[in-house]
Amino acid sequence: MKERGDIISVCDTAANGHSAWTTVDRLNPDVEGYKMYARGGKGSCTSHSAAEGGRYNLAEGGQYTLNFEGRGDNGGTVAGFINDH
């Protein structure tokens, strides 16, 4: 299996008049996270990858949370992960 680096994507899957978005935050107050939107309506996606450097290159072994939403701030979902590759 070929390593491809960190890639985080968000896609809008509902034609509901709201853009899908996600925040990517490291559980370390000294590290800046980021937020990204899929603004093109149903079927649109956006991504960031480690190849962009800076905050998009997630630290190996770092603990991260994703907060994602697509219903106009009507109750999102939070998931956590450890970046192991």
Protein backbone atom coordinates (compact mmCIF):
# COMPACT_ATOMS: atom_id res chain seq x y z
CA MET A 1 0.00 0.00 0.00
CA LYS A 2 1.39 3.41 -0.96
CA GLU A 3 1.40 6.21 1.64
CA ARG A 4 -0.37 9.30 0.35
CA GLY A 5 -0.02 11.67 3.29
CA ASP A 6 -2.80 13.27 5.31
CA ILE A 7 -5.94 14.08 3.32
CA ILE A 8 -9.08 15.52 4.92
CA SER A 9 -12.15 16.02 2.72
CA VAL A 10 -15.69 17.27 3.23
CA CYS A 11 -18.52 16.70 0.74
CA ASP A 12 -22.05 18.04 0.57
CA THR A 13 -24.48 15.15 0.11
CA ALA A 14 -27.85 16.87 0.56
CA ALA A 15 -29.69 19.48 -1.49
CA ASN A 16 -30.87 21.34 1.62
CA GLY A 17 -29.60 24.89 1.02
CA HIS A 18 -26.74 24.55 3.53
CA SER A 19 -23.04 24.06 2.86
CA ALA A 20 -21.29 21.14 4.49
CA TRP A 21 -18.25 22.03 6.60
CA THR A 22 -15.75 20.51 8.97
CA THR A 23 -13.24 21.78 11.48
CA VAL A 24 -9.97 19.95 12.06
CA ASP A 25 -8.48 20.60 15.50
CA ARG A 26 -5.53 19.06 17.29
CA LEU A 27 -5.97 18.38 20.99
CA ASN A 28 -3.13 20.79 21.74
CA PRO A 29 -3.96 24.46 22.38
CA ASP A 30 -0.69 25.60 20.78
CA VAL A 31 -1.56 24.14 17.35
CA GLU A 32 -3.90 26.04 15.03
CA GLY A 33 -6.67 24.04 13.40
CA TYR A 34 -8.68 24.88 10.33
CA LYS A 35 -12.20 24.89 8.91
CA MET A 36 -13.23 24.08 5.37
CA TYR A 37 -16.48 24.21 3.41
CA ALA A 38 -18.04 22.39 0.47
CA ARG A 39 -19.89 25.42 -0.91
CA GLY A 40 -21.00 24.23 -4.35
CA GLY A 41 -24.22 22.47 -3.31
CA LYS A 42 -25.03 18.76 -3.40
CA GLY A 43 -22.13 16.73 -4.79
CA SER A 44 -19.44 19.36 -4.14
CA CYS A 45 -16.33 18.49 -2.15
CA THR A 46 -13.18 20.20 -0.92
CA SER A 47 -9.96 18.71 0.48
CA HIS A 48 -6.68 19.67 2.07
CA SER A 49 -3.59 17.46 2.14
CA ALA A 50 -0.22 17.20 3.85
CA ALA A 51 1.40 18.26 0.57
CA GLU A 52 0.12 21.81 1.27
CA GLY A 53 2.29 21.92 4.40
CA GLY A 54 1.69 23.94 7.55
CA ARG A 55 -1.49 23.17 9.45
CA TYR A 56 -2.59 20.70 6.75
CA ASN A 57 0.34 18.38 7.50
CA LEU A 58 -1.05 16.61 10.56
CA ALA A 59 1.46 15.54 13.21
CA GLU A 60 2.24 11.84 13.44
CA GLY A 61 0.75 10.52 16.68
CA GLY A 62 -1.29 13.71 17.14
CA GLN A 63 -4.83 13.48 18.49
CA TYR A 64 -7.40 15.31 16.37
CA THR A 65 -11.11 16.04 16.38
CA LEU A 66 -13.36 16.60 13.38
CA ASN A 67 -16.54 18.59 13.90
CA PHE A 68 -18.75 18.33 10.84
CA GLU A 69 -22.13 19.74 9.90
CA GLY A 70 -24.30 20.25 6.84
CA ARG A 71 -27.72 21.24 8.13
CA GLY A 72 -27.27 24.92 8.89
CA ASP A 73 -25.79 24.56 12.39
CA ASN A 74 -28.64 22.27 13.38
CA GLY A 75 -26.59 19.70 15.25
CA GLY A 76 -23.28 18.48 13.95
CA THR A 77 -21.21 15.43 14.68
CA VAL A 78 -17.82 15.15 16.36
CA ALA A 79 -15.31 12.35 15.79
CA GLY A 80 -11.79 11.89 17.05
CA PHE A 81 -8.74 10.08 15.73
CA ILE A 82 -5.02 9.62 16.24
CA ASN A 83 -2.95 10.29 13.14
CA ASP A 84 -0.94 7.08 12.90
CA HIS A 85 0.34 7.43 9.29
